[in-house]
């Protein structure tokens, strides 16, 4: 079925049909054409583990090492603060999902509450996020593979290309295979972190020697305390830490391909908060207690560093396999979500037509291939500048993440406003303290941009590129607006 709106202007915001406050819950009259054709093959266990996988990824397994070496133990504060706002974002998205589940997720909600221009902006910012994240993921996978001597002589770009090919092939089969892959990827990541935390607690409790260092609080107090280099390094790292939570919105996209999302989603989303506290904050605190912050580096996963210094045969190799799994999981998620988002946009006219096509397995392969194409560009980047590829794309991915999260919170803000006006009824599962939560979160995201500029180097260059990104979005809109109008006009005639 096609999108339908009550607005006369197809380019203006499309309000939901007013619903009596006594009815519960409201049902939107807005139907996203991009939701047709999907199979409801994702089960409760898939969604729950996708939520976990979205909260545990490359940003922790690889990025924590370099960040720890720069900011010291204060890194746990950055993870806690960013984790709180990430929870607000996914909680806001969860409320919208229970109002109207859609594989188009926030793009579909932006279309309903902000019009086609909002949907266009939200969708392409999300694509910027994941197209650059795909490059970061294959770069991380290639970096991990170099840990083993059998791969050390293979160029980084070759390993990146192999990683992309493997995940792309698996993603194109069906959503069921995607769900199973993410389920087991998440199982591996969670099991590895649980094992690390058990071992870490044992090392601290027994003061067991780790590479010539004795674990304990003195590794923090005798090495400059929580802020060994001051508060500013920790603040400047926040933009990179935001990247660590880049996949939390994935469960909102996946809700469109599951049955009974109203029962599954609240439990999955609420569990994100304690997972952040346990896995991110807890593991960073343990890392700081086990070894001085100077023992970690950006060239190696901090978890691999610990097991490597323990001298347990094969332990570092196993942990490196786990972090390789995390990179492949993130890449898998990016291909999955952008495929769904681009299909929703394509059927509205704001993305290329080929991104709207599906195969017999109900997979929107056009959008997936487009994202993979940018991954190939990442392979070239790895060939030309292997040392700087990860840092470069990380900053552009952060811009996409900030833009996506901001669009989600704006949609949530408009949704809450319409509910207050009596035009619709919010579901019982709500973002608390609205509208203040949305406003504070938007302020935090703006602060992250300022911190990126203050960091100088690649971060400042990235922020300085914002006018170019805005110009590209405006120019792209003028290219597609005719097709968007024609598509909207055809819907109104149906």
Protein backbone atom coordinates (compact mmCIF):
# COMPACT_ATOMS: atom_id res chain seq x y z
CA UNK A 1 0.00 0.00 0.00
CA UNK A 2 1.21 3.53 -0.66
CA UNK A 3 2.04 6.32 1.78
CA UNK A 4 -1.04 8.32 2.62
CA UNK A 5 -1.17 11.68 4.34
CA UNK A 6 -3.81 14.20 5.24
CA UNK A 7 -1.69 17.15 4.13
CA UNK A 8 -2.60 18.94 0.94
CA UNK A 9 1.03 19.85 0.25
CA UNK A 10 3.09 16.70 -0.33
CA UNK A 11 6.25 18.53 0.75
CA UNK A 12 4.88 19.76 4.05
CA UNK A 13 4.62 17.94 7.33
CA UNK A 14 1.98 15.23 7.34
CA UNK A 15 0.05 15.23 10.60
CA UNK A 16 -1.49 12.10 11.96
CA UNK A 17 -5.25 11.93 12.08
CA UNK A 18 -6.50 13.31 15.39
CA UNK A 19 -7.42 10.62 17.81
CA UNK A 20 -9.61 10.96 20.84
CA UNK A 21 -7.62 11.06 24.04
CA UNK A 22 -9.77 8.32 25.49
CA UNK A 23 -8.78 5.82 22.82
CA UNK A 24 -5.68 3.72 23.39
CA UNK A 25 -3.31 3.52 21.83
CA UNK A 26 -3.55 5.75 18.76
CA UNK A 27 -3.20 4.24 15.31
CA UNK A 28 -1.48 6.40 12.72
CA UNK A 29 -3.18 6.99 9.38
CA UNK A 30 0.29 7.33 7.88
CA UNK A 31 1.33 4.16 6.04
CA UNK A 32 4.85 3.84 4.68
CA UNK A 33 4.99 2.23 1.24
CA UNK A 34 8.48 1.05 2.13
CA UNK A 35 7.07 -1.36 4.72
CA UNK A 36 5.42 -3.61 2.13
CA UNK A 37 7.09 -6.86 1.14
CA UNK A 38 9.09 -7.55 4.30
CA UNK A 39 8.88 -10.84 6.13
CA UNK A 40 8.24 -10.86 9.87
CA UNK A 41 11.04 -13.36 10.50
CA UNK A 42 12.82 -11.67 13.40
CA UNK A 43 11.98 -13.26 16.75
CA UNK A 44 12.21 -11.93 20.29
CA UNK A 45 15.67 -13.43 20.80
CA UNK A 46 16.88 -11.73 17.62
CA UNK A 47 15.64 -8.28 18.69
CA UNK A 48 17.05 -8.64 22.19
CA UNK A 49 20.47 -9.64 20.92
CA UNK A 50 20.38 -6.98 18.18
CA UNK A 51 19.82 -4.43 20.96
CA UNK A 52 22.84 -5.83 22.80
CA UNK A 53 24.92 -5.91 19.63
CA UNK A 54 24.02 -2.30 18.94
CA UNK A 55 25.31 -1.28 22.35
CA UNK A 56 28.55 -3.27 22.09
CA UNK A 57 30.68 -2.75 19.04
CA UNK A 58 33.91 -1.67 17.40
CA UNK A 59 34.02 1.59 19.34
CA UNK A 60 34.57 -0.34 22.57
CA UNK A 61 36.63 -3.26 21.34
CA UNK A 62 39.06 -1.25 19.21
CA UNK A 63 38.57 2.42 20.03
CA UNK A 64 38.87 2.13 23.82
CA UNK A 65 42.62 1.44 23.63
CA UNK A 66 43.60 4.71 21.97
CA UNK A 67 41.08 6.70 24.02
CA UNK A 68 42.38 5.22 27.27
CA UNK A 69 45.95 6.16 26.34
CA UNK A 70 44.83 9.77 25.73
CA UNK A 71 42.32 10.43 28.50
CA UNK A 72 43.25 7.82 31.10
CA UNK A 73 40.68 6.28 33.45
CA UNK A 74 38.34 9.26 32.94
CA UNK A 75 37.24 7.48 29.77
CA UNK A 76 34.59 5.69 31.84
CA UNK A 77 32.91 9.06 32.49
CA UNK A 78 32.71 9.78 28.76
CA UNK A 79 31.18 6.34 28.14
CA UNK A 80 28.64 6.85 30.94
CA UNK A 81 27.55 10.31 29.73
CA UNK A 82 27.28 9.31 26.07
CA UNK A 83 25.55 6.08 27.06
CA UNK A 84 22.87 8.03 28.93
CA UNK A 85 22.08 10.18 25.90
CA UNK A 86 22.20 7.15 23.61
CA UNK A 87 19.56 5.59 25.86
CA UNK A 88 17.40 8.71 25.56
CA UNK A 89 17.64 8.50 21.77
CA UNK A 90 16.71 4.85 21.53
CA UNK A 91 13.95 5.30 24.14
CA UNK A 92 12.49 8.13 22.03
CA UNK A 93 12.70 5.92 18.95
CA UNK A 94 11.09 3.07 20.89
CA UNK A 95 8.09 5.23 21.70
CA UNK A 96 7.69 6.08 18.02
CA UNK A 97 8.04 2.40 17.10
CA UNK A 98 5.21 1.44 19.45
CA UNK A 99 3.12 4.24 17.97
CA UNK A 100 3.73 2.87 14.46
CA UNK A 101 6.29 0.12 13.69
CA UNK A 102 8.11 0.77 10.40
CA UNK A 103 11.20 -0.57 8.67
CA UNK A 104 11.74 3.00 7.52
CA UNK A 105 12.08 3.87 11.22
CA UNK A 106 12.99 7.51 11.87
CA UNK A 107 12.87 8.33 8.13
CA UNK A 108 9.24 7.27 8.09
CA UNK A 109 8.54 9.26 11.27
CA UNK A 110 10.34 12.30 9.85
CA UNK A 111 8.08 12.00 6.78
CA UNK A 112 4.98 11.97 8.99
CA UNK A 113 5.96 14.81 11.33
CA UNK A 114 8.38 16.91 9.27
CA UNK A 115 7.38 16.22 5.67
CA UNK A 116 9.42 14.87 2.77
CA UNK A 117 12.25 17.35 3.30
CA UNK A 118 12.72 16.03 6.82
CA UNK A 119 12.62 12.42 5.64
CA UNK A 120 15.13 13.20 2.89
CA UNK A 121 17.53 14.87 5.35
CA UNK A 122 17.21 12.14 7.98
CA UNK A 123 17.75 9.38 5.45
CA UNK A 124 20.85 10.78 3.80
CA UNK A 125 22.44 11.72 7.13
CA UNK A 126 21.90 8.12 8.20
CA UNK A 127 23.46 6.94 4.98
CA UNK A 128 26.46 9.22 5.66
CA UNK A 129 26.72 7.56 9.06
CA UNK A 130 26.70 3.98 7.85
CA UNK A 131 28.56 4.39 4.56
CA UNK A 132 31.50 5.83 6.48
CA UNK A 133 31.03 3.40 9.36
CA UNK A 134 31.28 0.55 6.85
CA UNK A 135 34.72 1.87 5.93
CA UNK A 136 35.66 2.04 9.62
CA UNK A 137 34.44 -1.51 10.17
CA UNK A 138 36.34 -3.09 7.30
CA UNK A 139 39.41 -1.09 8.36
CA UNK A 140 39.05 -2.45 11.90
CA UNK A 141 38.56 -5.99 10.57
CA UNK A 142 41.73 -5.73 8.50
CA UNK A 143 43.62 -4.33 11.51
CA UNK A 144 42.47 -7.22 13.69
CA UNK A 145 43.44 -9.78 11.06
CA UNK A 146 47.01 -8.47 11.03
CA UNK A 147 47.31 -9.70 14.64
CA UNK A 148 47.89 -13.21 13.29
CA UNK A 149 51.20 -13.85 11.54
CA UNK A 150 49.48 -15.76 8.73
CA UNK A 151 47.81 -12.51 7.64
CA UNK A 152 50.61 -10.07 8.46
CA UNK A 153 52.03 -10.03 4.92
CA UNK A 154 48.62 -9.50 3.26
CA UNK A 155 47.98 -5.82 2.42
CA UNK A 156 45.37 -4.15 4.62
CA UNK A 157 43.19 -3.26 1.65
CA UNK A 158 42.97 -6.93 0.55
CA UNK A 159 41.80 -8.00 4.00
CA UNK A 160 39.27 -5.13 4.01
CA UNK A 161 37.89 -6.27 0.66
CA UNK A 162 37.55 -9.88 1.88
CA UNK A 163 35.66 -8.74 4.99
CA UNK A 164 33.26 -6.67 2.90
CA UNK A 165 32.62 -9.51 0.44
CA UNK A 166 31.84 -12.05 3.19
CA UNK A 167 29.36 -9.85 5.07
CA UNK A 168 27.70 -8.58 1.88
CA UNK A 169 27.06 -12.11 0.65
CA UNK A 170 25.47 -13.13 3.96
CA UNK A 171 23.34 -9.97 4.16
CA UNK A 172 21.75 -10.49 0.76
CA UNK A 173 20.19 -13.89 1.54
CA UNK A 174 17.28 -13.04 3.86
CA UNK A 175 16.42 -11.16 7.05
CA UNK A 176 16.33 -14.48 8.90
CA UNK A 177 20.00 -15.06 8.12
CA UNK A 178 20.79 -11.52 9.19
CA UNK A 179 18.97 -12.09 12.48
CA UNK A 180 20.81 -15.34 13.11
CA UNK A 181 24.17 -13.76 12.31
CA UNK A 182 23.53 -10.87 14.67
CA UNK A 183 22.24 -13.23 17.35
CA UNK A 184 25.44 -15.25 17.37
CA UNK A 185 27.68 -12.22 16.88
CA UNK A 186 26.08 -10.70 19.98
CA UNK A 187 26.41 -13.96 21.91
CA UNK A 188 30.14 -14.01 21.14
CA UNK A 189 30.62 -10.36 22.14
CA UNK A 190 28.68 -10.67 25.39
CA UNK A 191 30.38 -13.95 26.33
CA UNK A 192 33.80 -12.42 25.68
CA UNK A 193 33.07 -9.37 27.81
CA UNK A 194 31.65 -11.49 30.62
CA UNK A 195 34.77 -13.68 30.54
CA UNK A 196 37.01 -10.61 30.51
CA UNK A 197 35.16 -9.08 33.45
CA UNK A 198 35.32 -12.30 35.47
CA UNK A 199 39.06 -12.62 34.73
CA UNK A 200 39.58 -8.91 35.40
CA UNK A 201 37.83 -9.03 38.77
CA UNK A 202 39.91 -12.08 39.68
CA UNK A 203 43.13 -10.29 38.68
CA UNK A 204 42.26 -7.23 40.75
CA UNK A 205 41.05 -9.24 43.75
CA UNK A 206 44.17 -11.44 43.84
CA UNK A 207 46.68 -8.77 42.70
CA UNK A 208 47.88 -11.22 40.08
CA UNK A 209 50.87 -10.01 38.04
CA UNK A 210 49.99 -8.79 34.54
CA UNK A 211 53.04 -8.11 32.38
CA UNK A 212 55.07 -6.80 35.31
CA UNK A 213 52.21 -4.72 36.73
CA UNK A 214 50.15 -5.47 39.83
CA UNK A 215 46.42 -4.77 39.32
CA UNK A 216 44.78 -2.46 41.80
CA UNK A 217 43.65 1.07 42.53
CA UNK A 218 47.27 2.24 42.58
CA UNK A 219 47.37 1.90 38.78
CA UNK A 220 45.05 4.91 38.78
CA UNK A 221 46.24 6.89 41.82
CA UNK A 222 49.95 6.54 41.03
CA UNK A 223 49.58 7.47 37.37
CA UNK A 224 47.92 10.85 37.55
CA UNK A 225 44.54 9.83 38.95
CA UNK A 226 41.29 9.74 36.99
CA UNK A 227 42.30 12.77 34.90
CA UNK A 228 46.04 12.24 34.30
CA UNK A 229 46.08 14.70 31.41
CA UNK A 230 43.32 16.99 32.67
CA UNK A 231 39.60 17.11 31.95
CA UNK A 232 39.86 18.45 28.39
CA UNK A 233 41.23 15.23 26.77
CA UNK A 234 38.22 13.35 28.12
CA UNK A 235 35.81 15.98 26.78
CA UNK A 236 37.51 16.00 23.38
CA UNK A 237 37.11 12.23 23.13
CA UNK A 238 33.32 12.39 23.49
CA UNK A 239 32.77 12.66 19.73
CA UNK A 240 34.62 9.36 19.28
CA UNK A 241 32.73 7.78 22.15
CA UNK A 242 29.43 8.75 20.47
CA UNK A 243 30.60 6.56 17.58
CA UNK A 244 30.78 3.61 19.99
CA UNK A 245 26.99 3.78 20.40
CA UNK A 246 26.26 4.23 16.71
CA UNK A 247 24.13 1.08 16.37
CA UNK A 248 21.70 1.53 19.25
CA UNK A 249 18.95 2.69 16.88
CA UNK A 250 19.18 -0.56 14.91
CA UNK A 251 16.54 -2.32 17.00
CA UNK A 252 14.07 0.40 15.92
CA UNK A 253 14.71 -0.41 12.26
CA UNK A 254 14.45 -4.15 12.92
CA UNK A 255 11.08 -3.69 14.64
CA UNK A 256 9.46 -3.44 11.21
CA UNK A 257 10.35 -7.06 10.51
CA UNK A 258 9.20 -8.63 13.74
CA UNK A 259 5.84 -9.69 15.08
CA UNK A 260 4.45 -8.18 18.30
CA UNK A 261 6.98 -5.30 18.57
CA UNK A 262 4.84 -3.80 21.34
CA UNK A 263 5.84 -6.71 23.58
CA UNK A 264 9.44 -7.13 22.44
CA UNK A 265 10.73 -3.57 22.05
CA UNK A 266 10.25 -2.13 25.57
CA UNK A 267 12.17 -4.98 27.18
CA UNK A 268 14.97 -4.82 24.61
CA UNK A 269 15.35 -1.03 24.87
CA UNK A 270 15.17 -0.84 28.66
CA UNK A 271 17.95 -3.41 28.96
CA UNK A 272 20.33 -1.14 27.01
CA UNK A 273 20.85 1.10 30.06
CA UNK A 274 22.23 -1.53 32.39
CA UNK A 275 24.24 -3.10 29.58
CA UNK A 276 25.95 0.23 29.00
CA UNK A 277 26.73 0.52 32.70
CA UNK A 278 27.97 -3.03 33.00
CA UNK A 279 29.86 -3.61 29.78
CA UNK A 280 31.16 -0.16 28.82
CA UNK A 281 31.71 1.58 32.13
CA UNK A 282 32.54 -1.62 34.02
CA UNK A 283 35.05 -2.91 31.49
CA UNK A 284 36.82 0.47 31.20
CA UNK A 285 37.15 0.69 34.99
CA UNK A 286 38.62 -2.83 35.04
CA UNK A 287 41.06 -1.95 32.26
CA UNK A 288 42.25 1.03 34.30
CA UNK A 289 42.68 -1.11 37.42
CA UNK A 290 44.52 -3.95 35.67
CA UNK A 291 47.17 -1.86 33.87
CA UNK A 292 48.31 1.78 33.87
CA UNK A 293 46.58 3.76 31.13
CA UNK A 294 49.95 4.21 29.40
CA UNK A 295 50.04 0.45 28.67
CA UNK A 296 47.23 0.77 26.12
CA UNK A 297 47.42 2.08 22.57
CA UNK A 298 45.26 2.65 19.53
CA UNK A 299 47.12 -0.03 17.59
CA UNK A 300 45.64 -2.91 19.56
CA UNK A 301 42.39 -3.74 21.32
CA UNK A 302 42.82 -3.08 25.07
CA UNK A 303 41.31 -6.49 25.80
CA UNK A 304 43.91 -8.14 23.59
CA UNK A 305 46.59 -6.12 25.41
CA UNK A 306 45.53 -7.52 28.79
CA UNK A 307 45.42 -11.15 27.67
CA UNK A 308 48.65 -10.71 25.73
CA UNK A 309 50.46 -9.49 28.85
CA UNK A 310 48.96 -12.32 30.90
CA UNK A 311 50.90 -14.72 28.73
CA UNK A 312 48.08 -17.25 28.48
CA UNK A 313 48.73 -19.28 25.29
CA UNK A 314 46.12 -18.50 22.66
CA UNK A 315 44.09 -16.16 24.92
CA UNK A 316 45.03 -13.01 23.01
CA UNK A 317 44.25 -14.74 19.72
CA UNK A 318 40.80 -15.76 20.94
CA UNK A 319 40.03 -12.24 22.15
CA UNK A 320 41.25 -10.83 18.85
CA UNK A 321 38.83 -13.17 17.07
CA UNK A 322 36.06 -11.75 19.24
CA UNK A 323 36.85 -8.16 18.36
CA UNK A 324 37.05 -9.16 14.70
CA UNK A 325 33.53 -10.54 15.13
CA UNK A 326 32.44 -7.17 16.56
CA UNK A 327 33.68 -5.36 13.47
CA UNK A 328 31.92 -7.77 11.12
CA UNK A 329 28.75 -7.49 13.22
CA UNK A 330 28.76 -3.70 12.90
CA UNK A 331 29.29 -3.95 9.14
CA UNK A 332 26.45 -6.46 8.91
CA UNK A 333 24.15 -4.11 10.83
CA UNK A 334 25.05 -1.14 8.66
CA UNK A 335 24.26 -2.95 5.42
CA UNK A 336 20.98 -4.21 6.89
CA UNK A 337 19.70 -0.88 8.20
CA UNK A 338 20.71 1.31 5.26
CA UNK A 339 19.00 -1.13 2.89
CA UNK A 340 15.70 -0.62 4.72
CA UNK A 341 16.09 3.14 5.11
CA UNK A 342 17.01 3.66 1.44
CA UNK A 343 14.02 1.58 0.31
CA UNK A 344 11.66 3.79 2.29
CA UNK A 345 13.26 6.84 0.68
CA UNK A 346 13.27 5.33 -2.79
CA UNK A 347 9.54 4.63 -2.78
CA UNK A 348 8.99 8.26 -1.78
CA UNK A 349 11.20 9.47 -4.62
CA UNK A 350 14.12 10.84 -2.57
CA UNK A 351 16.60 8.01 -3.26
CA UNK A 352 17.62 6.25 -6.51
CA UNK A 353 14.96 3.87 -7.83
CA UNK A 354 17.23 0.82 -7.73
CA UNK A 355 17.53 1.13 -3.94
CA UNK A 356 13.84 0.29 -3.65
CA UNK A 357 13.97 -3.14 -5.27
CA UNK A 358 13.75 -6.38 -3.27
CA UNK A 359 14.81 -9.93 -4.00
CA UNK A 360 12.70 -13.06 -3.47
CA UNK A 361 13.94 -13.29 0.11
CA UNK A 362 12.38 -9.92 0.97
CA UNK A 363 15.80 -8.20 1.09
CA UNK A 364 16.11 -4.66 -0.33
CA UNK A 365 19.35 -5.48 -2.08
CA UNK A 366 19.61 -2.23 -4.05
CA UNK A 367 20.24 -0.11 -0.96
CA UNK A 368 22.57 -2.72 0.51
CA UNK A 369 24.68 -2.72 -2.66
CA UNK A 370 24.86 1.09 -2.63
CA UNK A 371 26.28 1.06 0.91
CA UNK A 372 28.65 -1.74 -0.04
CA UNK A 373 29.81 0.40 -2.94
CA UNK A 374 31.01 3.01 -0.48
CA UNK A 375 32.72 0.18 1.38
CA UNK A 376 34.69 -0.48 -1.80
CA UNK A 377 35.75 3.18 -1.71
CA UNK A 378 36.96 2.39 1.80
CA UNK A 379 39.07 -0.41 0.38
CA UNK A 380 40.76 2.17 -1.85
CA UNK A 381 41.24 4.42 1.18
CA UNK A 382 42.90 1.54 3.02
CA UNK A 383 45.23 1.03 0.06
CA UNK A 384 46.22 4.72 -0.12
CA UNK A 385 46.43 5.65 3.57
CA UNK A 386 46.15 2.57 5.83
CA UNK A 387 47.43 4.41 8.91
CA UNK A 388 44.82 7.20 8.87
CA UNK A 389 41.78 5.48 7.31
CA UNK A 390 40.05 4.63 10.59
CA UNK A 391 40.43 8.08 12.18
CA UNK A 392 39.34 9.90 9.03
CA UNK A 393 36.09 8.00 8.48
CA UNK A 394 35.36 7.90 12.21
CA UNK A 395 34.89 11.66 12.27
CA UNK A 396 32.56 11.72 9.26
CA UNK A 397 30.61 8.81 10.75
CA UNK A 398 30.22 10.85 13.94
CA UNK A 399 28.68 13.70 11.91
CA UNK A 400 26.16 11.24 10.46
CA UNK A 401 25.38 9.81 13.89
CA UNK A 402 24.86 13.25 15.44
CA UNK A 403 22.57 14.21 12.56
CA UNK A 404 20.58 10.98 12.82
CA UNK A 405 20.14 11.22 16.58
CA UNK A 406 19.14 14.87 16.27
CA UNK A 407 16.45 13.98 13.70
CA UNK A 408 15.11 11.23 15.99
CA UNK A 409 14.83 13.68 18.89
CA UNK A 410 13.17 16.34 16.72
CA UNK A 411 10.61 13.74 15.55
CA UNK A 412 10.05 12.77 19.18
CA UNK A 413 9.60 16.41 20.14
CA UNK A 414 7.02 17.00 17.39
CA UNK A 415 5.29 13.73 18.28
CA UNK A 416 4.98 14.79 21.94
CA UNK A 417 3.71 18.22 20.89
CA UNK A 418 0.95 16.71 18.74
CA UNK A 419 -0.01 14.44 21.61
CA UNK A 420 -0.28 17.48 23.88
CA UNK A 421 -2.51 19.14 21.28
CA UNK A 422 -4.78 16.08 21.38
CA UNK A 423 -4.09 15.06 17.79
CA UNK A 424 -2.79 11.62 18.80
CA UNK A 425 -2.22 9.53 21.90
CA UNK A 426 1.23 8.52 23.08
CA UNK A 427 1.68 4.81 23.86
CA UNK A 428 2.15 3.78 27.48
CA UNK A 429 5.85 3.25 26.77
CA UNK A 430 7.19 6.81 26.68
CA UNK A 431 10.38 8.84 26.74
CA UNK A 432 10.40 10.29 30.27
CA UNK A 433 10.48 14.03 31.03
CA UNK A 434 9.45 15.13 27.54
CA UNK A 435 9.99 17.69 26.10
CA UNK A 436 12.98 18.52 28.33
CA UNK A 437 14.75 15.25 27.53
CA UNK A 438 14.67 15.96 23.81
CA UNK A 439 15.86 19.56 24.26
CA UNK A 440 18.75 18.58 26.56
CA UNK A 441 19.79 15.79 24.19
CA UNK A 442 19.80 18.18 21.23
CA UNK A 443 21.96 20.55 23.30
CA UNK A 444 24.37 17.71 24.06
CA UNK A 445 24.67 16.83 20.36
CA UNK A 446 25.43 20.47 19.52
CA UNK A 447 28.11 20.43 22.23
CA UNK A 448 29.70 17.37 20.63
CA UNK A 449 30.09 19.30 17.39
CA UNK A 450 31.81 22.13 19.28
CA UNK A 451 34.16 19.63 20.96
CA UNK A 452 34.99 18.11 17.58
CA UNK A 453 36.01 21.55 16.30
CA UNK A 454 38.03 22.27 19.44
CA UNK A 455 39.92 18.98 19.01
CA UNK A 456 41.59 20.37 15.90
CA UNK A 457 43.11 18.16 13.22
CA UNK A 458 40.75 15.80 11.41
CA UNK A 459 37.89 16.65 13.79
CA UNK A 460 38.05 20.36 12.99
CA UNK A 461 38.35 19.62 9.29
CA UNK A 462 35.24 17.46 9.52
CA UNK A 463 33.20 20.17 11.26
CA UNK A 464 34.43 22.71 8.70
CA UNK A 465 32.97 20.40 6.05
CA UNK A 466 29.45 20.87 7.48
CA UNK A 467 28.61 23.68 5.02
CA UNK A 468 29.65 21.35 2.19
CA UNK A 469 27.45 18.56 3.59
CA UNK A 470 24.56 21.01 3.92
CA UNK A 471 25.13 22.26 0.37
CA UNK A 472 25.16 18.67 -0.92
CA UNK A 473 21.86 17.97 0.86
CA UNK A 474 20.27 21.13 -0.56
CA UNK A 475 21.57 20.42 -4.05
CA UNK A 476 20.38 16.83 -3.85
CA UNK A 477 16.93 17.97 -2.76
CA UNK A 478 16.57 20.18 -5.83
CA UNK A 479 17.49 17.17 -7.95
CA UNK A 480 14.89 14.84 -6.42
CA UNK A 481 12.06 17.20 -5.45
CA UNK A 482 10.32 16.81 -8.81
CA UNK A 483 10.22 13.02 -8.41
CA UNK A 484 9.11 13.40 -4.78
CA UNK A 485 6.20 15.64 -5.84
CA UNK A 486 5.23 13.25 -8.64
CA UNK A 487 5.32 10.28 -6.26
CA UNK A 488 3.26 12.10 -3.64
CA UNK A 489 0.75 13.17 -6.29
CA UNK A 490 0.37 9.58 -7.49
CA UNK A 491 -0.27 8.45 -3.91
CA UNK A 492 -3.02 11.00 -3.43
CA UNK A 493 -4.75 9.81 -6.60
CA UNK A 494 -4.80 6.18 -5.37
